[in-house]
Amino acid sequence: MDIAAFLALLLAVSTLLWRVVTDSKQDTRKERDDREDSILVKAALKISEHSAVCQAQMRDSLRRIHEKVEETNASIGDLSRDVALVKTELNGNLERRIAAAVNDAMREREART
């Protein structure tokens, strides 16, 4: 075999090896891309699941807050009615005491005269 034939054979073998290596690298890149896509899809699903859980927790928290606000509003209404009753009672007691004091003063005045 002469040198030209040897070099031609060497070139053919090296070209073939280059294609095999390049193709395997491309497969590796494709596999890596597929793996990365798979990881991204899994991450997106996890984020979606976490988001759904968080939304459910937020809805539950808002519902409980709304219930507490309604209870507080009812309590405030009850307290307002109680305050109004106490105020009315105190005003009535005060008016009776003032009337009694005025009557006592008038009796004392009449008793002196």
PDB file of N, CA and C in Angstrom:
ATOM      1  N   MET A   1       0.857  -1.156   0.000  1.00  0.00           N
ATOM      2  CA  MET A   1       0.000   0.000   0.000  1.00  0.00           C
ATOM      3  C   MET A   1       0.905   1.221   0.000  1.00  0.00           C
ATOM      4  N   ASP A   2       0.624   2.068  -0.906  1.00  0.00           N
ATOM      5  CA  ASP A   2       1.467   3.264  -0.965  1.00  0.00           C
ATOM      6  C   ASP A   2       0.940   4.311   0.005  1.00  0.00           C
ATOM      7  N   ILE A   3       1.685   5.345   0.142  1.00  0.00           N
ATOM      8  CA  ILE A   3       1.382   6.398   1.122  1.00  0.00           C
ATOM      9  C   ILE A   3       0.080   7.109   0.770  1.00  0.00           C
ATOM     10  N   ALA A   4      -0.196   7.346  -0.475  1.00  0.00           N
ATOM     11  CA  ALA A   4      -1.418   8.055  -0.877  1.00  0.00           C
ATOM     12  C   ALA A   4      -2.646   7.229  -0.511  1.00  0.00           C
ATOM     13  N   ALA A   5      -2.571   5.903  -0.742  1.00  0.00           N
ATOM     14  CA  ALA A   5      -3.700   5.039  -0.399  1.00  0.00           C
ATOM     15  C   ALA A   5      -3.883   4.990   1.114  1.00  0.00           C
ATOM     16  N   PHE A   6      -2.766   4.921   1.840  1.00  0.00           N
ATOM     17  CA  PHE A   6      -2.818   4.908   3.299  1.00  0.00           C
ATOM     18  C   PHE A   6      -3.443   6.195   3.827  1.00  0.00           C
ATOM     19  N   LEU A   7      -3.007   7.340   3.265  1.00  0.00           N
ATOM     20  CA  LEU A   7      -3.567   8.624   3.705  1.00  0.00           C
ATOM     21  C   LEU A   7      -5.054   8.721   3.363  1.00  0.00           C
ATOM     22  N   ALA A   8      -5.441   8.186   2.202  1.00  0.00           N
ATOM     23  CA  ALA A   8      -6.856   8.201   1.817  1.00  0.00           C
ATOM     24  C   ALA A   8      -7.675   7.340   2.779  1.00  0.00           C
ATOM     25  N   LEU A   9      -7.124   6.163   3.125  1.00  0.00           N
ATOM     26  CA  LEU A   9      -7.797   5.292   4.082  1.00  0.00           C
ATOM     27  C   LEU A   9      -7.866   5.946   5.454  1.00  0.00           C
ATOM     28  N   LEU A  10      -6.785   6.563   5.876  1.00  0.00           N
ATOM     29  CA  LEU A  10      -6.751   7.264   7.156  1.00  0.00           C
ATOM     30  C   LEU A  10      -7.767   8.402   7.178  1.00  0.00           C
ATOM     31  N   LEU A  11      -7.854   9.136   6.069  1.00  0.00           N
ATOM     32  CA  LEU A  11      -8.823  10.231   5.970  1.00  0.00           C
ATOM     33  C   LEU A  11     -10.248   9.687   6.041  1.00  0.00           C
ATOM     34  N   ALA A  12     -10.512   8.577   5.371  1.00  0.00           N
ATOM     35  CA  ALA A  12     -11.854   7.986   5.387  1.00  0.00           C
ATOM     36  C   ALA A  12     -12.225   7.523   6.789  1.00  0.00           C
ATOM     37  N   VAL A  13     -11.271   6.847   7.459  1.00  0.00           N
ATOM     38  CA  VAL A  13     -11.527   6.366   8.822  1.00  0.00           C
ATOM     39  C   VAL A  13     -11.721   7.535   9.779  1.00  0.00           C
ATOM     40  N   SER A  14     -10.879   8.554   9.672  1.00  0.00           N
ATOM     41  CA  SER A  14     -11.009   9.705  10.567  1.00  0.00           C
ATOM     42  C   SER A  14     -12.327  10.454  10.317  1.00  0.00           C
ATOM     43  N   THR A  15     -12.732  10.541   9.041  1.00  0.00           N
ATOM     44  CA  THR A  15     -14.014  11.180   8.714  1.00  0.00           C
ATOM     45  C   THR A  15     -15.164  10.383   9.318  1.00  0.00           C
ATOM     46  N   LEU A  16     -15.068   9.065   9.192  1.00  0.00           N
ATOM     47  CA  LEU A  16     -16.104   8.210   9.761  1.00  0.00           C
ATOM     48  C   LEU A  16     -16.153   8.356  11.283  1.00  0.00           C
ATOM     49  N   LEU A  17     -14.990   8.335  11.914  1.00  0.00           N
ATOM     50  CA  LEU A  17     -14.935   8.524  13.365  1.00  0.00           C
ATOM     51  C   LEU A  17     -15.478   9.897  13.767  1.00  0.00           C
ATOM     52  N   TRP A  18     -15.123  10.911  12.985  1.00  0.00           N
ATOM     53  CA  TRP A  18     -15.613  12.268  13.271  1.00  0.00           C
ATOM     54  C   TRP A  18     -17.141  12.302  13.239  1.00  0.00           C
ATOM     55  N   ARG A  19     -17.725  11.631  12.225  1.00  0.00           N
ATOM     56  CA  ARG A  19     -19.191  11.599  12.121  1.00  0.00           C
ATOM     57  C   ARG A  19     -19.809  10.859  13.304  1.00  0.00           C
ATOM     58  N   VAL A  20     -19.195   9.757  13.695  1.00  0.00           N
ATOM     59  CA  VAL A  20     -19.712   8.994  14.837  1.00  0.00           C
ATOM     60  C   VAL A  20     -19.655   9.838  16.102  1.00  0.00           C
ATOM     61  N   VAL A  21     -18.507  10.487  16.328  1.00  0.00           N
ATOM     62  CA  VAL A  21     -18.353  11.325  17.523  1.00  0.00           C
ATOM     63  C   VAL A  21     -19.316  12.496  17.479  1.00  0.00           C
ATOM     64  N   THR A  22     -19.413  13.156  16.338  1.00  0.00           N
ATOM     65  CA  THR A  22     -20.304  14.308  16.199  1.00  0.00           C
ATOM     66  C   THR A  22     -21.752  13.888  16.391  1.00  0.00           C
ATOM     67  N   ASP A  23     -22.141  12.758  15.771  1.00  0.00           N
ATOM     68  CA  ASP A  23     -23.513  12.276  15.933  1.00  0.00           C
ATOM     69  C   ASP A  23     -23.793  11.928  17.391  1.00  0.00           C
ATOM     70  N   SER A  24     -22.827  11.299  18.065  1.00  0.00           N
ATOM     71  CA  SER A  24     -23.047  10.953  19.468  1.00  0.00           C
ATOM     72  C   SER A  24     -23.120  12.217  20.321  1.00  0.00           C
ATOM     73  N   LYS A  25     -22.328  13.239  19.953  1.00  0.00           N
ATOM     74  CA  LYS A  25     -22.426  14.506  20.679  1.00  0.00           C
ATOM     75  C   LYS A  25     -23.787  15.142  20.450  1.00  0.00           C
ATOM     76  N   GLN A  26     -24.276  15.056  19.208  1.00  0.00           N
ATOM     77  CA  GLN A  26     -25.591  15.621  18.923  1.00  0.00           C
ATOM     78  C   GLN A  26     -26.668  14.859  19.683  1.00  0.00           C
ATOM     79  N   ASP A  27     -26.525  13.521  19.719  1.00  0.00           N
ATOM     80  CA  ASP A  27     -27.472  12.744  20.511  1.00  0.00           C
ATOM     81  C   ASP A  27     -27.385  13.155  21.974  1.00  0.00           C
ATOM     82  N   THR A  28     -26.168  13.347  22.448  1.00  0.00           N
ATOM     83  CA  THR A  28     -25.981  13.759  23.829  1.00  0.00           C
ATOM     84  C   THR A  28     -26.629  15.118  24.062  1.00  0.00           C
ATOM     85  N   ARG A  29     -26.453  16.038  23.120  1.00  0.00           N
ATOM     86  CA  ARG A  29     -27.086  17.355  23.243  1.00  0.00           C
ATOM     87  C   ARG A  29     -28.604  17.216  23.243  1.00  0.00           C
ATOM     88  N   LYS A  30     -29.094  16.361  22.324  1.00  0.00           N
ATOM     89  CA  LYS A  30     -30.543  16.162  22.253  1.00  0.00           C
ATOM     90  C   LYS A  30     -31.044  15.544  23.549  1.00  0.00           C
ATOM     91  N   GLU A  31     -30.328  14.536  24.032  1.00  0.00           N
ATOM     92  CA  GLU A  31     -30.721  13.919  25.296  1.00  0.00           C
ATOM     93  C   GLU A  31     -30.680  14.937  26.426  1.00  0.00           C
ATOM     94  N   ARG A  32     -29.624  15.764  26.439  1.00  0.00           N
ATOM     95  CA  ARG A  32     -29.503  16.788  27.471  1.00  0.00           C
ATOM     96  C   ARG A  32     -30.648  17.798  27.355  1.00  0.00           C
ATOM     97  N   ASP A  33     -30.944  18.213  26.111  1.00  0.00           N
ATOM     98  CA  ASP A  33     -32.062  19.138  25.902  1.00  0.00           C
ATOM     99  C   ASP A  33     -33.377  18.510  26.359  1.00  0.00           C
ATOM    100  N   ASP A  34     -33.551  17.222  26.008  1.00  0.00           N
ATOM    101  CA  ASP A  34     -34.766  16.526  26.441  1.00  0.00           C
ATOM    102  C   ASP A  34     -34.833  16.451  27.963  1.00  0.00           C
ATOM    103  N   ARG A  35     -33.691  16.154  28.573  1.00  0.00           N
ATOM    104  CA  ARG A  35     -33.627  16.078  30.029  1.00  0.00           C
ATOM    105  C   ARG A  35     -33.944  17.436  30.648  1.00  0.00           C
ATOM    106  N   GLU A  36     -33.348  18.503  30.079  1.00  0.00           N
ATOM    107  CA  GLU A  36     -33.617  19.851  30.585  1.00  0.00           C
ATOM    108  C   GLU A  36     -35.086  20.206  30.408  1.00  0.00           C
ATOM    109  N   ASP A  37     -35.643  19.855  29.236  1.00  0.00           N
ATOM    110  CA  ASP A  37     -37.072  20.096  29.013  1.00  0.00           C
ATOM    111  C   ASP A  37     -37.907  19.340  30.040  1.00  0.00           C
ATOM    112  N   SER A  38     -37.515  18.099  30.293  1.00  0.00           N
ATOM    113  CA  SER A  38     -38.228  17.292  31.275  1.00  0.00           C
ATOM    114  C   SER A  38     -38.145  17.933  32.660  1.00  0.00           C
ATOM    115  N   ILE A  39     -36.960  18.407  33.007  1.00  0.00           N
ATOM    116  CA  ILE A  39     -36.775  19.073  34.300  1.00  0.00           C
ATOM    117  C   ILE A  39     -37.630  20.331  34.372  1.00  0.00           C
ATOM    118  N   LEU A  40     -37.641  21.097  33.278  1.00  0.00           N
ATOM    119  CA  LEU A  40     -38.449  22.323  33.252  1.00  0.00           C
ATOM    120  C   LEU A  40     -39.938  22.008  33.370  1.00  0.00           C
ATOM    121  N   VAL A  41     -40.376  20.956  32.676  1.00  0.00           N
ATOM    122  CA  VAL A  41     -41.788  20.570  32.753  1.00  0.00           C
ATOM    123  C   VAL A  41     -42.135  20.140  34.176  1.00  0.00           C
ATOM    124  N   LYS A  42     -41.255  19.339  34.786  1.00  0.00           N
ATOM    125  CA  LYS A  42     -41.495  18.907  36.163  1.00  0.00           C
ATOM    126  C   LYS A  42     -41.524  20.106  37.105  1.00  0.00           C
ATOM    127  N   ALA A  43     -40.597  21.037  36.905  1.00  0.00           N
ATOM    128  CA  ALA A  43     -40.573  22.236  37.747  1.00  0.00           C
ATOM    129  C   ALA A  43     -41.845  23.056  37.557  1.00  0.00           C
ATOM    130  N   ALA A  44     -42.291  23.180  36.315  1.00  0.00           N
ATOM    131  CA  ALA A  44     -43.528  23.930  36.044  1.00  0.00           C
ATOM    132  C   ALA A  44     -44.717  23.254  36.715  1.00  0.00           C
ATOM    133  N   LEU A  45     -44.758  21.923  36.672  1.00  0.00           N
ATOM    134  CA  LEU A  45     -45.846  21.199  37.332  1.00  0.00           C
ATOM    135  C   LEU A  45     -45.806  21.395  38.839  1.00  0.00           C
ATOM    136  N   LYS A  46     -44.603  21.339  39.418  1.00  0.00           N
ATOM    137  CA  LYS A  46     -44.463  21.554  40.861  1.00  0.00           C
ATOM    138  C   LYS A  46     -44.912  22.961  41.234  1.00  0.00           C
ATOM    139  N   ILE A  47     -44.488  23.944  40.431  1.00  0.00           N
ATOM    140  CA  ILE A  47     -44.884  25.333  40.689  1.00  0.00           C
ATOM    141  C   ILE A  47     -46.397  25.464  40.596  1.00  0.00           C
ATOM    142  N   SER A  48     -46.986  24.835  39.596  1.00  0.00           N
ATOM    143  CA  SER A  48     -48.440  24.883  39.421  1.00  0.00           C
ATOM    144  C   SER A  48     -49.152  24.250  40.615  1.00  0.00           C
ATOM    145  N   GLU A  49     -48.659  23.091  41.055  1.00  0.00           N
ATOM    146  CA  GLU A  49     -49.249  22.430  42.221  1.00  0.00           C
ATOM    147  C   GLU A  49     -49.113  23.307  43.457  1.00  0.00           C
ATOM    148  N   HIS A  50     -47.926  23.868  43.661  1.00  0.00           N
ATOM    149  CA  HIS A  50     -47.684  24.726  44.819  1.00  0.00           C
ATOM    150  C   HIS A  50     -48.586  25.954  44.759  1.00  0.00           C
ATOM    151  N   SER A  51     -48.732  26.504  43.573  1.00  0.00           N
ATOM    152  CA  SER A  51     -49.598  27.668  43.395  1.00  0.00           C
ATOM    153  C   SER A  51     -51.043  27.322  43.738  1.00  0.00           C
ATOM    154  N   ALA A  52     -51.499  26.162  43.299  1.00  0.00           N
ATOM    155  CA  ALA A  52     -52.873  25.740  43.599  1.00  0.00           C
ATOM    156  C   ALA A  52     -53.065  25.562  45.100  1.00  0.00           C
ATOM    157  N   VAL A  53     -52.081  24.963  45.765  1.00  0.00           N
ATOM    158  CA  VAL A  53     -52.162  24.786  47.219  1.00  0.00           C
ATOM    159  C   VAL A  53     -52.192  26.144  47.912  1.00  0.00           C
ATOM    160  N   CYS A  54     -51.320  27.052  47.484  1.00  0.00           N
ATOM    161  CA  CYS A  54     -51.277  28.392  48.081  1.00  0.00           C
ATOM    162  C   CYS A  54     -52.592  29.132  47.867  1.00  0.00           C
ATOM    163  N   GLN A  55     -53.160  29.009  46.666  1.00  0.00           N
ATOM    164  CA  GLN A  55     -54.438  29.670  46.391  1.00  0.00           C
ATOM    165  C   GLN A  55     -55.540  29.107  47.284  1.00  0.00           C
ATOM    166  N   ALA A  56     -55.549  27.801  47.478  1.00  0.00           N
ATOM    167  CA  ALA A  56     -56.553  27.186  48.351  1.00  0.00           C
ATOM    168  C   ALA A  56     -56.377  27.668  49.787  1.00  0.00           C
ATOM    169  N   GLN A  57     -55.125  27.747  50.237  1.00  0.00           N
ATOM    170  CA  GLN A  57     -54.862  28.237  51.590  1.00  0.00           C
ATOM    171  C   GLN A  57     -55.281  29.694  51.732  1.00  0.00           C
ATOM    172  N   MET A  58     -55.010  30.497  50.704  1.00  0.00           N
ATOM    173  CA  MET A  58     -55.399  31.905  50.754  1.00  0.00           C
ATOM    174  C   MET A  58     -56.919  32.040  50.793  1.00  0.00           C
ATOM    175  N   ARG A  59     -57.630  31.251  49.970  1.00  0.00           N
ATOM    176  CA  ARG A  59     -59.099  31.301  49.988  1.00  0.00           C
ATOM    177  C   ARG A  59     -59.626  30.917  51.366  1.00  0.00           C
ATOM    178  N   ASP A  60     -59.040  29.877  51.962  1.00  0.00           N
ATOM    179  CA  ASP A  60     -59.461  29.442  53.291  1.00  0.00           C
ATOM    180  C   ASP A  60     -59.189  30.532  54.321  1.00  0.00           C
ATOM    181  N   SER A  61     -58.020  31.145  54.247  1.00  0.00           N
ATOM    182  CA  SER A  61     -57.680  32.229  55.174  1.00  0.00           C
ATOM    183  C   SER A  61     -58.628  33.407  55.006  1.00  0.00           C
ATOM    184  N   LEU A  62     -58.915  33.773  53.759  1.00  0.00           N
ATOM    185  CA  LEU A  62     -59.844  34.883  53.511  1.00  0.00           C
ATOM    186  C   LEU A  62     -61.243  34.558  54.030  1.00  0.00           C
ATOM    187  N   ARG A  63     -61.671  33.313  53.877  1.00  0.00           N
ATOM    188  CA  ARG A  63     -62.981  32.906  54.391  1.00  0.00           C
ATOM    189  C   ARG A  63     -63.025  33.044  55.909  1.00  0.00           C
ATOM    190  N   ARG A  64     -61.959  32.575  56.586  1.00  0.00           N
ATOM    191  CA  ARG A  64     -61.911  32.687  58.051  1.00  0.00           C
ATOM    192  C   ARG A  64     -61.873  34.144  58.486  1.00  0.00           C
ATOM    193  N   ILE A  65     -61.096  34.970  57.774  1.00  0.00           N
ATOM    194  CA  ILE A  65     -61.040  36.401  58.098  1.00  0.00           C
ATOM    195  C   ILE A  65     -62.423  37.022  57.929  1.00  0.00           C
ATOM    196  N   HIS A  66     -63.111  36.664  56.842  1.00  0.00           N
ATOM    197  CA  HIS A  66     -64.457  37.192  56.597  1.00  0.00           C
ATOM    198  C   HIS A  66     -65.402  36.789  57.734  1.00  0.00           C
ATOM    199  N   GLU A  67     -65.307  35.528  58.171  1.00  0.00           N
ATOM    200  CA  GLU A  67     -66.141  35.071  59.288  1.00  0.00           C
ATOM    201  C   GLU A  67     -65.835  35.861  60.550  1.00  0.00           C
ATOM    202  N   LYS A  68     -64.554  36.094  60.827  1.00  0.00           N
ATOM    203  CA  LYS A  68     -64.169  36.865  62.019  1.00  0.00           C
ATOM    204  C   LYS A  68     -64.682  38.298  61.926  1.00  0.00           C
ATOM    205  N   VAL A  69     -64.606  38.884  60.730  1.00  0.00           N
ATOM    206  CA  VAL A  69     -65.106  40.251  60.542  1.00  0.00           C
ATOM    207  C   VAL A  69     -66.605  40.291  60.811  1.00  0.00           C
ATOM    208  N   GLU A  70     -67.330  39.291  60.294  1.00  0.00           N
ATOM    209  CA  GLU A  70     -68.771  39.247  60.543  1.00  0.00           C
ATOM    210  C   GLU A  70     -69.064  39.095  62.032  1.00  0.00           C
ATOM    211  N   GLU A  71     -68.304  38.222  62.723  1.00  0.00           N
ATOM    212  CA  GLU A  71     -68.483  38.064  64.167  1.00  0.00           C
ATOM    213  C   GLU A  71     -68.180  39.368  64.893  1.00  0.00           C
ATOM    214  N   THR A  72     -67.103  40.030  64.483  1.00  0.00           N
ATOM    215  CA  THR A  72     -66.723  41.299  65.113  1.00  0.00           C
ATOM    216  C   THR A  72     -67.791  42.352  64.873  1.00  0.00           C
ATOM    217  N   ASN A  73     -68.306  42.426  63.652  1.00  0.00           N
ATOM    218  CA  ASN A  73     -69.368  43.389  63.354  1.00  0.00           C
ATOM    219  C   ASN A  73     -70.605  43.108  64.199  1.00  0.00           C
ATOM    220  N   ALA A  74     -70.947  41.829  64.355  1.00  0.00           N
ATOM    221  CA  ALA A  74     -72.094  41.470  65.193  1.00  0.00           C
ATOM    222  C   ALA A  74     -71.829  41.871  66.640  1.00  0.00           C
ATOM    223  N   SER A  75     -70.607  41.625  67.116  1.00  0.00           N
ATOM    224  CA  SER A  75     -70.253  42.009  68.489  1.00  0.00           C
ATOM    225  C   SER A  75     -70.314  43.517  68.664  1.00  0.00           C
ATOM    226  N   ILE A  76     -69.836  44.248  67.672  1.00  0.00           N
ATOM    227  CA  ILE A  76     -69.881  45.715  67.738  1.00  0.00           C
ATOM    228  C   ILE A  76     -71.333  46.178  67.779  1.00  0.00           C
ATOM    229  N   GLY A  77     -72.188  45.547  66.968  1.00  0.00           N
ATOM    230  CA  GLY A  77     -73.616  45.885  66.991  1.00  0.00           C
ATOM    231  C   GLY A  77     -74.227  45.615  68.353  1.00  0.00           C
ATOM    232  N   ASP A  78     -73.885  44.453  68.943  1.00  0.00           N
ATOM    233  CA  ASP A  78     -74.381  44.131  70.287  1.00  0.00           C
ATOM    234  C   ASP A  78     -73.881  45.147  71.301  1.00  0.00           C
ATOM    235  N   LEU A  79     -72.600  45.485  71.220  1.00  0.00           N
ATOM    236  CA  LEU A  79     -72.034  46.468  72.151  1.00  0.00           C
ATOM    237  C   LEU A  79     -72.693  47.829  71.979  1.00  0.00           C
ATOM    238  N   SER A  80     -72.944  48.226  70.739  1.00  0.00           N
ATOM    239  CA  SER A  80     -73.601  49.514  70.491  1.00  0.00           C
ATOM    240  C   SER A  80     -74.987  49.538  71.119  1.00  0.00           C
ATOM    241  N   ARG A  81     -75.727  48.447  70.986  1.00  0.00           N
ATOM    242  CA  ARG A  81     -77.055  48.374  71.610  1.00  0.00           C
ATOM    243  C   ARG A  81     -76.931  48.418  73.125  1.00  0.00           C
ATOM    244  N   ASP A  82     -75.948  47.674  73.669  1.00  0.00           N
ATOM    245  CA  ASP A  82     -75.748  47.685  75.122  1.00  0.00           C
ATOM    246  C   ASP A  82     -75.392  49.080  75.618  1.00  0.00           C
ATOM    247  N   VAL A  83     -74.516  49.759  74.891  1.00  0.00           N
ATOM    248  CA  VAL A  83     -74.125  51.122  75.277  1.00  0.00           C
ATOM    249  C   VAL A  83     -75.336  52.044  75.228  1.00  0.00           C
ATOM    250  N   ALA A  84     -76.154  51.906  74.196  1.00  0.00           N
ATOM    251  CA  ALA A  84     -77.352  52.747  74.086  1.00  0.00           C
ATOM    252  C   ALA A  84     -78.299  52.489  75.254  1.00  0.00           C
ATOM    253  N   LEU A  85     -78.465  51.209  75.634  1.00  0.00           N
ATOM    254  CA  LEU A  85     -79.330  50.889  76.776  1.00  0.00           C
ATOM    255  C   LEU A  85     -78.779  51.468  78.073  1.00  0.00           C
ATOM    256  N   VAL A  86     -77.480  51.310  78.286  1.00  0.00           N
ATOM    257  CA  VAL A  86     -76.854  51.846  79.500  1.00  0.00           C
ATOM    258  C   VAL A  86     -76.973  53.362  79.522  1.00  0.00           C
ATOM    259  N   LYS A  87     -76.748  53.983  78.375  1.00  0.00           N
ATOM    260  CA  LYS A  87     -76.851  55.443  78.284  1.00  0.00           C
ATOM    261  C   LYS A  87     -78.276  55.895  78.612  1.00  0.00           C
ATOM    262  N   THR A  88     -79.250  55.205  78.053  1.00  0.00           N
ATOM    263  CA  THR A  88     -80.651  55.538  78.337  1.00  0.00           C
ATOM    264  C   THR A  88     -80.954  55.352  79.817  1.00  0.00           C
ATOM    265  N   GLU A  89     -80.461  54.246  80.370  1.00  0.00           N
ATOM    266  CA  GLU A  89     -80.686  53.978  81.792  1.00  0.00           C
ATOM    267  C   GLU A  89     -80.014  55.033  82.660  1.00  0.00           C
ATOM    268  N   LEU A  90     -78.763  55.380  82.315  1.00  0.00           N
ATOM    269  CA  LEU A  90     -78.060  56.405  83.096  1.00  0.00           C
ATOM    270  C   LEU A  90     -78.756  57.753  82.992  1.00  0.00           C
ATOM    271  N   ASN A  91     -79.179  58.108  81.787  1.00  0.00           N
ATOM    272  CA  ASN A  91     -79.892  59.375  81.611  1.00  0.00           C
ATOM    273  C   ASN A  91     -81.183  59.377  82.424  1.00  0.00           C
ATOM    274  N   GLY A  92     -81.902  58.245  82.407  1.00  0.00           N
ATOM    275  CA  GLY A  92     -83.142  58.136  83.196  1.00  0.00           C
ATOM    276  C   GLY A  92     -82.849  58.261  84.676  1.00  0.00           C
ATOM    277  N   ASN A  93     -81.794  57.557  85.142  1.00  0.00           N
ATOM    278  CA  ASN A  93     -81.417  57.646  86.557  1.00  0.00           C
ATOM    279  C   ASN A  93     -81.007  59.064  86.915  1.00  0.00           C
ATOM    280  N   LEU A  94     -80.249  59.698  86.038  1.00  0.00           N
ATOM    281  CA  LEU A  94     -79.799  61.066  86.294  1.00  0.00           C
ATOM    282  C   LEU A  94     -80.989  62.011  86.356  1.00  0.00           C
ATOM    283  N   GLU A  95     -81.914  61.858  85.432  1.00  0.00           N
ATOM    284  CA  GLU A  95     -83.107  62.713  85.438  1.00  0.00           C
ATOM    285  C   GLU A  95     -83.910  62.500  86.715  1.00  0.00           C
ATOM    286  N   ARG A  96     -84.060  61.234  87.138  1.00  0.00           N
ATOM    287  CA  ARG A  96     -84.803  60.964  88.381  1.00  0.00           C
ATOM    288  C   ARG A  96     -84.085  61.553  89.584  1.00  0.00           C
ATOM    289  N   ARG A  97     -82.765  61.437  89.610  1.00  0.00           N
ATOM    290  CA  ARG A  97     -82.006  61.989  90.742  1.00  0.00           C
ATOM    291  C   ARG A  97     -82.099  63.512  90.765  1.00  0.00           C
ATOM    292  N   ILE A  98     -81.999  64.111  89.582  1.00  0.00           N
ATOM    293  CA  ILE A  98     -82.125  65.581  89.523  1.00  0.00           C
ATOM    294  C   ILE A  98     -83.525  65.992  89.984  1.00  0.00           C
ATOM    295  N   ALA A  99     -84.531  65.279  89.496  1.00  0.00           N
ATOM    296  CA  ALA A  99     -85.911  65.600  89.899  1.00  0.00           C
ATOM    297  C   ALA A  99     -86.080  65.410  91.399  1.00  0.00           C
ATOM    298  N   ALA A 100     -85.511  64.332  91.939  1.00  0.00           N
ATOM    299  CA  ALA A 100     -85.606  64.082  93.383  1.00  0.00           C
ATOM    300  C   ALA A 100     -84.876  65.168  94.153  1.00  0.00           C
ATOM    301  N   ALA A 101     -83.696  65.582  93.664  1.00  0.00           N
ATOM    302  CA  ALA A 101     -82.938  66.638  94.349  1.00  0.00           C
ATOM    303  C   ALA A 101     -83.707  67.953  94.309  1.00  0.00           C
ATOM    304  N   VAL A 102     -84.307  68.259  93.171  1.00  0.00           N
ATOM    305  CA  VAL A 102     -85.105  69.493  93.058  1.00  0.00           C
ATOM    306  C   VAL A 102     -86.304  69.419  94.001  1.00  0.00           C
ATOM    307  N   ASN A 103     -86.975  68.274  94.030  1.00  0.00           N
ATOM    308  CA  ASN A 103     -88.121  68.108  94.937  1.00  0.00           C
ATOM    309  C   ASN A 103     -87.689  68.249  96.387  1.00  0.00           C
ATOM    310  N   ASP A 104     -86.536  67.629  96.747  1.00  0.00           N
ATOM    311  CA  ASP A 104     -86.024  67.748  98.114  1.00  0.00           C
ATOM    312  C   ASP A 104     -85.726  69.201  98.447  1.00  0.00           C
ATOM    313  N   ALA A 105     -85.100  69.900  97.510  1.00  0.00           N
ATOM    314  CA  ALA A 105     -84.767  71.311  97.743  1.00  0.00           C
ATOM    315  C   ALA A 105     -86.038  72.132  97.899  1.00  0.00           C
ATOM    316  N   MET A 106     -87.054  71.845  97.110  1.00  0.00           N
ATOM    317  CA  MET A 106     -88.308  72.602  97.210  1.00  0.00           C
ATOM    318  C   MET A 106     -89.007  72.296  98.528  1.00  0.00           C
ATOM    319  N   ARG A 107     -88.962  71.062  98.985  1.00  0.00           N
ATOM    320  CA  ARG A 107     -89.570  70.712 100.273  1.00  0.00           C
ATOM    321  C   ARG A 107     -88.851  71.406 101.408  1.00  0.00           C
ATOM    322  N   GLU A 108     -87.522  71.410 101.332  1.00  0.00           N
ATOM    323  CA  GLU A 108     -86.751  72.095 102.380  1.00  0.00           C
ATOM    324  C   GLU A 108     -87.089  73.576 102.388  1.00  0.00           C
ATOM    325  N   ARG A 109     -87.218  74.153 101.234  1.00  0.00           N
ATOM    326  CA  ARG A 109     -87.536  75.579 101.128  1.00  0.00           C
ATOM    327  C   ARG A 109     -88.935  75.849 101.698  1.00  0.00           C
ATOM    328  N   GLU A 110     -89.869  74.975 101.362  1.00  0.00           N
ATOM    329  CA  GLU A 110     -91.222  75.151 101.891  1.00  0.00           C
ATOM    330  C   GLU A 110     -91.238  74.936 103.395  1.00  0.00           C
ATOM    331  N   ALA A 111     -90.408  74.002 103.859  1.00  0.00           N
ATOM    332  CA  ALA A 111     -90.349  73.728 105.293  1.00  0.00           C
ATOM    333  C   ALA A 111     -89.774  74.920 106.035  1.00  0.00           C
ATOM    334  N   ARG A 112     -88.878  75.672 105.443  1.00  0.00           N
ATOM    335  CA  ARG A 112     -88.281  76.846 106.090  1.00  0.00           C
ATOM    336  C   ARG A 112     -89.273  78.013 106.119  1.00  0.00           C
ATOM    337  N   THR A 113     -90.135  78.055 105.223  1.00  0.00           N
ATOM    338  CA  THR A 113     -91.051  79.205 105.182  1.00  0.00           C
ATOM    339  C   THR A 113     -92.319  79.010 105.924  1.00  0.00           C
TER     340      THR A 113
END
